[in-house]
């Protein structure tokens, strides 16, 4: 399963989502800035645990965590998950 932590206004986050959609990859997305209360707190804690900071986008593919929009890393991680 692919999970994306994003901000709704972030252009790099939009690129990650568009890339996954263009390649027909199913994914779950948490737009952290649109989350409320406890949901937002949990999402921020997950991002910090995965990356050590609050930086977006964060794409999780299996055991691979990718910070930012790195098309080649996303592609490689998707291929290794198949």
PDB file of N, CA and C in Angstrom:
ATOM      1  N   UNK A   1       0.839  -1.192   0.000  1.00  0.00           N
ATOM      2  CA  UNK A   1       0.000   0.000   0.000  1.00  0.00           C
ATOM      3  C   UNK A   1       0.878   1.247   0.000  1.00  0.00           C
ATOM      4  N   UNK A   2       0.443   2.242  -0.706  1.00  0.00           N
ATOM      5  CA  UNK A   2       1.162   3.503  -0.816  1.00  0.00           C
ATOM      6  C   UNK A   2       0.403   4.549   0.001  1.00  0.00           C
ATOM      7  N   UNK A   3       1.162   5.309   0.785  1.00  0.00           N
ATOM      8  CA  UNK A   3       0.556   6.370   1.581  1.00  0.00           C
ATOM      9  C   UNK A   3       1.328   7.656   1.344  1.00  0.00           C
ATOM     10  N   UNK A   4       0.589   8.751   1.192  1.00  0.00           N
ATOM     11  CA  UNK A   4       1.193  10.054   0.955  1.00  0.00           C
ATOM     12  C   UNK A   4       0.730  11.005   2.055  1.00  0.00           C
ATOM     13  N   UNK A   5       1.699  11.661   2.672  1.00  0.00           N
ATOM     14  CA  UNK A   5       1.412  12.742   3.603  1.00  0.00           C
ATOM     15  C   UNK A   5       1.700  14.028   2.841  1.00  0.00           C
ATOM     16  N   UNK A   6       0.700  14.910   2.774  1.00  0.00           N
ATOM     17  CA  UNK A   6       0.818  16.078   1.919  1.00  0.00           C
ATOM     18  C   UNK A   6       0.200  17.308   2.579  1.00  0.00           C
ATOM     19  N   UNK A   7       0.438  18.440   1.944  1.00  0.00           N
ATOM     20  CA  UNK A   7      -0.275  19.672   2.264  1.00  0.00           C
ATOM     21  C   UNK A   7      -1.090  20.029   1.032  1.00  0.00           C
ATOM     22  N   UNK A   8      -2.321  20.447   1.225  1.00  0.00           N
ATOM     23  CA  UNK A   8      -3.222  20.682   0.089  1.00  0.00           C
ATOM     24  C   UNK A   8      -2.730  21.781  -0.849  1.00  0.00           C
ATOM     25  N   UNK A   9      -1.913  22.692  -0.352  1.00  0.00           N
ATOM     26  CA  UNK A   9      -1.455  23.820  -1.160  1.00  0.00           C
ATOM     27  C   UNK A   9      -0.052  23.627  -1.733  1.00  0.00           C
ATOM     28  N   UNK A  10       0.594  22.513  -1.431  1.00  0.00           N
ATOM     29  CA  UNK A  10       1.986  22.281  -1.804  1.00  0.00           C
ATOM     30  C   UNK A  10       2.094  21.790  -3.256  1.00  0.00           C
ATOM     31  N   UNK A  11       2.829  22.515  -4.117  1.00  0.00           N
ATOM     32  CA  UNK A  11       2.951  22.083  -5.519  1.00  0.00           C
ATOM     33  C   UNK A  11       3.684  20.748  -5.673  1.00  0.00           C
ATOM     34  N   UNK A  12       4.669  20.456  -4.807  1.00  0.00           N
ATOM     35  CA  UNK A  12       5.393  19.185  -4.893  1.00  0.00           C
ATOM     36  C   UNK A  12       4.491  18.031  -4.467  1.00  0.00           C
ATOM     37  N   UNK A  13       3.626  18.286  -3.498  1.00  0.00           N
ATOM     38  CA  UNK A  13       2.670  17.265  -3.065  1.00  0.00           C
ATOM     39  C   UNK A  13       1.716  16.930  -4.213  1.00  0.00           C
ATOM     40  N   UNK A  14       1.270  17.955  -4.919  1.00  0.00           N
ATOM     41  CA  UNK A  14       0.376  17.750  -6.061  1.00  0.00           C
ATOM     42  C   UNK A  14       1.061  16.936  -7.155  1.00  0.00           C
ATOM     43  N   UNK A  15       2.372  17.147  -7.336  1.00  0.00           N
ATOM     44  CA  UNK A  15       3.120  16.383  -8.352  1.00  0.00           C
ATOM     45  C   UNK A  15       3.182  14.899  -7.977  1.00  0.00           C
ATOM     46  N   UNK A  16       3.388  14.619  -6.697  1.00  0.00           N
ATOM     47  CA  UNK A  16       3.415  13.214  -6.257  1.00  0.00           C
ATOM     48  C   UNK A  16       2.064  12.569  -6.530  1.00  0.00           C
ATOM     49  N   UNK A  17       0.984  13.228  -6.146  1.00  0.00           N
ATOM     50  CA  UNK A  17      -0.362  12.675  -6.364  1.00  0.00           C
ATOM     51  C   UNK A  17      -0.619  12.466  -7.856  1.00  0.00           C
ATOM     52  N   UNK A  18      -0.250  13.458  -8.670  1.00  0.00           N
ATOM     53  CA  UNK A  18      -0.474  13.357 -10.116  1.00  0.00           C
ATOM     54  C   UNK A  18       0.332  12.193 -10.697  1.00  0.00           C
ATOM     55  N   UNK A  19       1.576  12.039 -10.253  1.00  0.00           N
ATOM     56  CA  UNK A  19       2.414  10.935 -10.738  1.00  0.00           C
ATOM     57  C   UNK A  19       1.747   9.598 -10.423  1.00  0.00           C
ATOM     58  N   UNK A  20       1.296   9.424  -9.188  1.00  0.00           N
ATOM     59  CA  UNK A  20       0.668   8.160  -8.795  1.00  0.00           C
ATOM     60  C   UNK A  20      -0.612   7.916  -9.588  1.00  0.00           C
ATOM     61  N   UNK A  21      -1.416   8.969  -9.766  1.00  0.00           N
ATOM     62  CA  UNK A  21      -2.658   8.831 -10.532  1.00  0.00           C
ATOM     63  C   UNK A  21      -2.376   8.510 -11.993  1.00  0.00           C
ATOM     64  N   UNK A  22      -1.381   9.177 -12.582  1.00  0.00           N
ATOM     65  CA  UNK A  22      -1.024   8.933 -13.983  1.00  0.00           C
ATOM     66  C   UNK A  22      -0.552   7.497 -14.197  1.00  0.00           C
ATOM     67  N   UNK A  23       0.022   6.893 -13.155  1.00  0.00           N
ATOM     68  CA  UNK A  23       0.507   5.516 -13.243  1.00  0.00           C
ATOM     69  C   UNK A  23      -0.466   4.519 -12.613  1.00  0.00           C
ATOM     70  N   UNK A  24      -1.694   4.977 -12.392  1.00  0.00           N
ATOM     71  CA  UNK A  24      -2.784   4.152 -11.860  1.00  0.00           C
ATOM     72  C   UNK A  24      -2.391   3.385 -10.599  1.00  0.00           C
ATOM     73  N   UNK A  25      -1.714   4.096  -9.694  1.00  0.00           N
ATOM     74  CA  UNK A  25      -1.314   3.521  -8.414  1.00  0.00           C
ATOM     75  C   UNK A  25      -2.343   3.942  -7.373  1.00  0.00           C
ATOM     76  N   UNK A  26      -2.926   2.963  -6.697  1.00  0.00           N
ATOM     77  CA  UNK A  26      -3.849   3.287  -5.618  1.00  0.00           C
ATOM     78  C   UNK A  26      -3.046   3.738  -4.414  1.00  0.00           C
ATOM     79  N   UNK A  27      -3.515   4.789  -3.761  1.00  0.00           N
ATOM     80  CA  UNK A  27      -2.798   5.299  -2.593  1.00  0.00           C
ATOM     81  C   UNK A  27      -3.765   5.959  -1.635  1.00  0.00           C
ATOM     82  N   UNK A  28      -3.350   6.036  -0.394  1.00  0.00           N
ATOM     83  CA  UNK A  28      -4.081   6.797   0.618  1.00  0.00           C
ATOM     84  C   UNK A  28      -3.337   8.095   0.825  1.00  0.00           C
ATOM     85  N   UNK A  29      -4.067   9.181   0.946  1.00  0.00           N
ATOM     86  CA  UNK A  29      -3.436  10.476   1.133  1.00  0.00           C
ATOM     87  C   UNK A  29      -4.013  11.159   2.363  1.00  0.00           C
ATOM     88  N   UNK A  30      -3.121  11.722   3.157  1.00  0.00           N
ATOM     89  CA  UNK A  30      -3.523  12.555   4.279  1.00  0.00           C
ATOM     90  C   UNK A  30      -3.057  13.971   3.971  1.00  0.00           C
ATOM     91  N   UNK A  31      -4.017  14.870   3.718  1.00  0.00           N
ATOM     92  CA  UNK A  31      -3.678  16.286   3.575  1.00  0.00           C
ATOM     93  C   UNK A  31      -3.630  16.843   4.992  1.00  0.00           C
ATOM     94  N   UNK A  32      -2.433  16.908   5.527  1.00  0.00           N
ATOM     95  CA  UNK A  32      -2.230  17.210   6.944  1.00  0.00           C
ATOM     96  C   UNK A  32      -2.810  18.573   7.314  1.00  0.00           C
ATOM     97  N   UNK A  33      -2.700  19.548   6.422  1.00  0.00           N
ATOM     98  CA  UNK A  33      -3.218  20.882   6.740  1.00  0.00           C
ATOM     99  C   UNK A  33      -4.742  20.921   6.790  1.00  0.00           C
ATOM    100  N   UNK A  34      -5.405  19.949   6.186  1.00  0.00           N
ATOM    101  CA  UNK A  34      -6.873  19.910   6.209  1.00  0.00           C
ATOM    102  C   UNK A  34      -7.410  19.027   7.339  1.00  0.00           C
ATOM    103  N   UNK A  35      -6.540  18.238   7.931  1.00  0.00           N
ATOM    104  CA  UNK A  35      -6.953  17.371   9.036  1.00  0.00           C
ATOM    105  C   UNK A  35      -7.258  18.237  10.260  1.00  0.00           C
ATOM    106  N   UNK A  36      -8.094  17.713  11.131  1.00  0.00           N
ATOM    107  CA  UNK A  36      -8.512  18.457  12.316  1.00  0.00           C
ATOM    108  C   UNK A  36      -8.047  17.760  13.584  1.00  0.00           C
ATOM    109  N   UNK A  37      -7.747  18.534  14.593  1.00  0.00           N
ATOM    110  CA  UNK A  37      -7.521  18.033  15.938  1.00  0.00           C
ATOM    111  C   UNK A  37      -6.583  16.843  16.038  1.00  0.00           C
ATOM    112  N   UNK A  38      -7.099  15.758  16.608  1.00  0.00           N
ATOM    113  CA  UNK A  38      -6.301  14.559  16.883  1.00  0.00           C
ATOM    114  C   UNK A  38      -5.769  13.931  15.596  1.00  0.00           C
ATOM    115  N   UNK A  39      -6.576  13.942  14.534  1.00  0.00           N
ATOM    116  CA  UNK A  39      -6.134  13.372  13.251  1.00  0.00           C
ATOM    117  C   UNK A  39      -4.892  14.102  12.738  1.00  0.00           C
ATOM    118  N   UNK A  40      -4.887  15.427  12.842  1.00  0.00           N
ATOM    119  CA  UNK A  40      -3.731  16.206  12.399  1.00  0.00           C
ATOM    120  C   UNK A  40      -2.520  15.935  13.292  1.00  0.00           C
ATOM    121  N   UNK A  41      -2.751  15.878  14.585  1.00  0.00           N
ATOM    122  CA  UNK A  41      -1.661  15.623  15.537  1.00  0.00           C
ATOM    123  C   UNK A  41      -1.007  14.275  15.244  1.00  0.00           C
ATOM    124  N   UNK A  42      -1.813  13.246  15.027  1.00  0.00           N
ATOM    125  CA  UNK A  42      -1.302  11.902  14.734  1.00  0.00           C
ATOM    126  C   UNK A  42      -0.524  11.906  13.421  1.00  0.00           C
ATOM    127  N   UNK A  43      -1.060  12.559  12.387  1.00  0.00           N
ATOM    128  CA  UNK A  43      -0.387  12.605  11.088  1.00  0.00           C
ATOM    129  C   UNK A  43       0.973  13.299  11.206  1.00  0.00           C
ATOM    130  N   UNK A  44       1.038  14.410  11.929  1.00  0.00           N
ATOM    131  CA  UNK A  44       2.311  15.117  12.112  1.00  0.00           C
ATOM    132  C   UNK A  44       3.307  14.251  12.877  1.00  0.00           C
ATOM    133  N   UNK A  45       2.840  13.530  13.881  1.00  0.00           N
ATOM    134  CA  UNK A  45       3.721  12.633  14.634  1.00  0.00           C
ATOM    135  C   UNK A  45       4.256  11.516  13.741  1.00  0.00           C
ATOM    136  N   UNK A  46       3.391  10.979  12.856  1.00  0.00           N
ATOM    137  CA  UNK A  46       3.826   9.929  11.930  1.00  0.00           C
ATOM    138  C   UNK A  46       4.896  10.456  10.984  1.00  0.00           C
ATOM    139  N   UNK A  47       4.697  11.648  10.456  1.00  0.00           N
ATOM    140  CA  UNK A  47       5.673  12.246   9.539  1.00  0.00           C
ATOM    141  C   UNK A  47       7.005  12.454  10.254  1.00  0.00           C
ATOM    142  N   UNK A  48       6.957  12.978  11.468  1.00  0.00           N
ATOM    143  CA  UNK A  48       8.195  13.194  12.230  1.00  0.00           C
ATOM    144  C   UNK A  48       8.902  11.883  12.541  1.00  0.00           C
ATOM    145  N   UNK A  49       8.134  10.838  12.847  1.00  0.00           N
ATOM    146  CA  UNK A  49       8.732   9.536  13.139  1.00  0.00           C
ATOM    147  C   UNK A  49       9.390   8.963  11.882  1.00  0.00           C
ATOM    148  N   UNK A  50       8.774   9.159  10.733  1.00  0.00           N
ATOM    149  CA  UNK A  50       9.307   8.632   9.476  1.00  0.00           C
ATOM    150  C   UNK A  50      10.530   9.394   8.983  1.00  0.00           C
ATOM    151  N   UNK A  51      10.532  10.713   9.177  1.00  0.00           N
ATOM    152  CA  UNK A  51      11.559  11.546   8.540  1.00  0.00           C
ATOM    153  C   UNK A  51      12.422  12.351   9.502  1.00  0.00           C
ATOM    154  N   UNK A  52      11.986  12.492  10.733  1.00  0.00           N
ATOM    155  CA  UNK A  52      12.731  13.309  11.679  1.00  0.00           C
ATOM    156  C   UNK A  52      12.401  14.786  11.617  1.00  0.00           C
ATOM    157  N   UNK A  53      11.468  15.148  10.758  1.00  0.00           N
ATOM    158  CA  UNK A  53      11.056  16.557  10.658  1.00  0.00           C
ATOM    159  C   UNK A  53       9.672  16.668  10.038  1.00  0.00           C
ATOM    160  N   UNK A  54       9.177  17.883   9.947  1.00  0.00           N
ATOM    161  CA  UNK A  54       7.865  18.134   9.351  1.00  0.00           C
ATOM    162  C   UNK A  54       8.069  18.759   7.976  1.00  0.00           C
ATOM    163  N   UNK A  55       8.275  17.924   7.004  1.00  0.00           N
ATOM    164  CA  UNK A  55       8.532  18.362   5.646  1.00  0.00           C
ATOM    165  C   UNK A  55       7.658  17.531   4.710  1.00  0.00           C
ATOM    166  N   UNK A  56       7.121  18.164   3.693  1.00  0.00           N
ATOM    167  CA  UNK A  56       6.169  17.493   2.802  1.00  0.00           C
ATOM    168  C   UNK A  56       6.579  17.675   1.355  1.00  0.00           C
ATOM    169  N   UNK A  57       6.170  16.742   0.497  1.00  0.00           N
ATOM    170  CA  UNK A  57       5.419  15.515   0.739  1.00  0.00           C
ATOM    171  C   UNK A  57       6.302  14.394   1.288  1.00  0.00           C
ATOM    172  N   UNK A  58       5.641  13.431   1.900  1.00  0.00           N
ATOM    173  CA  UNK A  58       6.283  12.194   2.331  1.00  0.00           C
ATOM    174  C   UNK A  58       5.477  11.059   1.705  1.00  0.00           C
ATOM    175  N   UNK A  59       6.165  10.219   0.939  1.00  0.00           N
ATOM    176  CA  UNK A  59       5.522   9.085   0.281  1.00  0.00           C
ATOM    177  C   UNK A  59       6.088   7.811   0.888  1.00  0.00           C
ATOM    178  N   UNK A  60       5.191   6.939   1.342  1.00  0.00           N
ATOM    179  CA  UNK A  60       5.601   5.674   1.936  1.00  0.00           C
ATOM    180  C   UNK A  60       5.133   4.556   1.013  1.00  0.00           C
ATOM    181  N   UNK A  61       6.106   3.789   0.508  1.00  0.00           N
ATOM    182  CA  UNK A  61       5.817   2.662  -0.382  1.00  0.00           C
ATOM    183  C   UNK A  61       6.485   1.450   0.235  1.00  0.00           C
ATOM    184  N   UNK A  62       5.686   0.573   0.837  1.00  0.00           N
ATOM    185  CA  UNK A  62       6.256  -0.563   1.559  1.00  0.00           C
ATOM    186  C   UNK A  62       7.114  -0.062   2.699  1.00  0.00           C
ATOM    187  N   UNK A  63       8.396  -0.429   2.703  1.00  0.00           N
ATOM    188  CA  UNK A  63       9.337   0.017   3.732  1.00  0.00           C
ATOM    189  C   UNK A  63      10.121   1.253   3.307  1.00  0.00           C
ATOM    190  N   UNK A  64       9.840   1.765   2.118  1.00  0.00           N
ATOM    191  CA  UNK A  64      10.585   2.903   1.582  1.00  0.00           C
ATOM    192  C   UNK A  64       9.873   4.213   1.905  1.00  0.00           C
ATOM    193  N   UNK A  65      10.624   5.151   2.461  1.00  0.00           N
ATOM    194  CA  UNK A  65      10.101   6.479   2.774  1.00  0.00           C
ATOM    195  C   UNK A  65      10.814   7.485   1.884  1.00  0.00           C
ATOM    196  N   UNK A  66      10.040   8.250   1.113  1.00  0.00           N
ATOM    197  CA  UNK A  66      10.603   9.215   0.177  1.00  0.00           C
ATOM    198  C   UNK A  66      10.124  10.607   0.574  1.00  0.00           C
ATOM    199  N   UNK A  67      11.084  11.480   0.845  1.00  0.00           N
ATOM    200  CA  UNK A  67      10.769  12.867   1.178  1.00  0.00           C
ATOM    201  C   UNK A  67      10.890  13.713  -0.063  1.00  0.00           C
ATOM    202  N   UNK A  68       9.887  14.532  -0.318  1.00  0.00           N
ATOM    203  CA  UNK A  68       9.921  15.398  -1.491  1.00  0.00           C
ATOM    204  C   UNK A  68       9.412  14.666  -2.729  1.00  0.00           C
ATOM    205  N   UNK A  69       9.491  15.356  -3.857  1.00  0.00           N
ATOM    206  CA  UNK A  69       9.067  14.766  -5.128  1.00  0.00           C
ATOM    207  C   UNK A  69      10.301  14.252  -5.844  1.00  0.00           C
ATOM    208  N   UNK A  70      10.487  12.936  -5.773  1.00  0.00           N
ATOM    209  CA  UNK A  70      11.646  12.293  -6.406  1.00  0.00           C
ATOM    210  C   UNK A  70      11.112  11.151  -7.269  1.00  0.00           C
ATOM    211  N   UNK A  71      10.787  11.510  -8.490  1.00  0.00           N
ATOM    212  CA  UNK A  71      10.123  10.586  -9.409  1.00  0.00           C
ATOM    213  C   UNK A  71      10.880   9.273  -9.561  1.00  0.00           C
ATOM    214  N   UNK A  72      12.203   9.339  -9.693  1.00  0.00           N
ATOM    215  CA  UNK A  72      12.983   8.111  -9.893  1.00  0.00           C
ATOM    216  C   UNK A  72      12.915   7.205  -8.662  1.00  0.00           C
ATOM    217  N   UNK A  73      12.929   7.788  -7.463  1.00  0.00           N
ATOM    218  CA  UNK A  73      12.836   6.975  -6.245  1.00  0.00           C
ATOM    219  C   UNK A  73      11.442   6.365  -6.099  1.00  0.00           C
ATOM    220  N   UNK A  74      10.422   7.133  -6.448  1.00  0.00           N
ATOM    221  CA  UNK A  74       9.050   6.610  -6.396  1.00  0.00           C
ATOM    222  C   UNK A  74       8.914   5.439  -7.361  1.00  0.00           C
ATOM    223  N   UNK A  75       9.397   5.618  -8.572  1.00  0.00           N
ATOM    224  CA  UNK A  75       9.318   4.563  -9.590  1.00  0.00           C
ATOM    225  C   UNK A  75      10.041   3.296  -9.132  1.00  0.00           C
ATOM    226  N   UNK A  76      11.251   3.458  -8.586  1.00  0.00           N
ATOM    227  CA  UNK A  76      12.027   2.313  -8.105  1.00  0.00           C
ATOM    228  C   UNK A  76      11.288   1.582  -6.975  1.00  0.00           C
ATOM    229  N   UNK A  77      10.748   2.344  -6.030  1.00  0.00           N
ATOM    230  CA  UNK A  77      10.047   1.740  -4.897  1.00  0.00           C
ATOM    231  C   UNK A  77       8.791   1.015  -5.366  1.00  0.00           C
ATOM    232  N   UNK A  78       8.083   1.574  -6.331  1.00  0.00           N
ATOM    233  CA  UNK A  78       6.881   0.914  -6.852  1.00  0.00           C
ATOM    234  C   UNK A  78       7.232  -0.398  -7.543  1.00  0.00           C
ATOM    235  N   UNK A  79       8.320  -0.398  -8.304  1.00  0.00           N
ATOM    236  CA  UNK A  79       8.745  -1.623  -9.003  1.00  0.00           C
ATOM    237  C   UNK A  79       9.128  -2.718  -8.011  1.00  0.00           C
ATOM    238  N   UNK A  80       9.756  -2.346  -6.913  1.00  0.00           N
ATOM    239  CA  UNK A  80      10.179  -3.347  -5.933  1.00  0.00           C
ATOM    240  C   UNK A  80       8.999  -3.881  -5.133  1.00  0.00           C
ATOM    241  N   UNK A  81       7.876  -3.178  -5.146  1.00  0.00           N
ATOM    242  CA  UNK A  81       6.681  -3.619  -4.412  1.00  0.00           C
ATOM    243  C   UNK A  81       5.844  -4.599  -5.225  1.00  0.00           C
ATOM    244  N   UNK A  82       6.048  -4.637  -6.529  1.00  0.00           N
ATOM    245  CA  UNK A  82       5.215  -5.490  -7.400  1.00  0.00           C
ATOM    246  C   UNK A  82       5.573  -6.945  -7.249  1.00  0.00           C
TER     247      UNK A  82
END
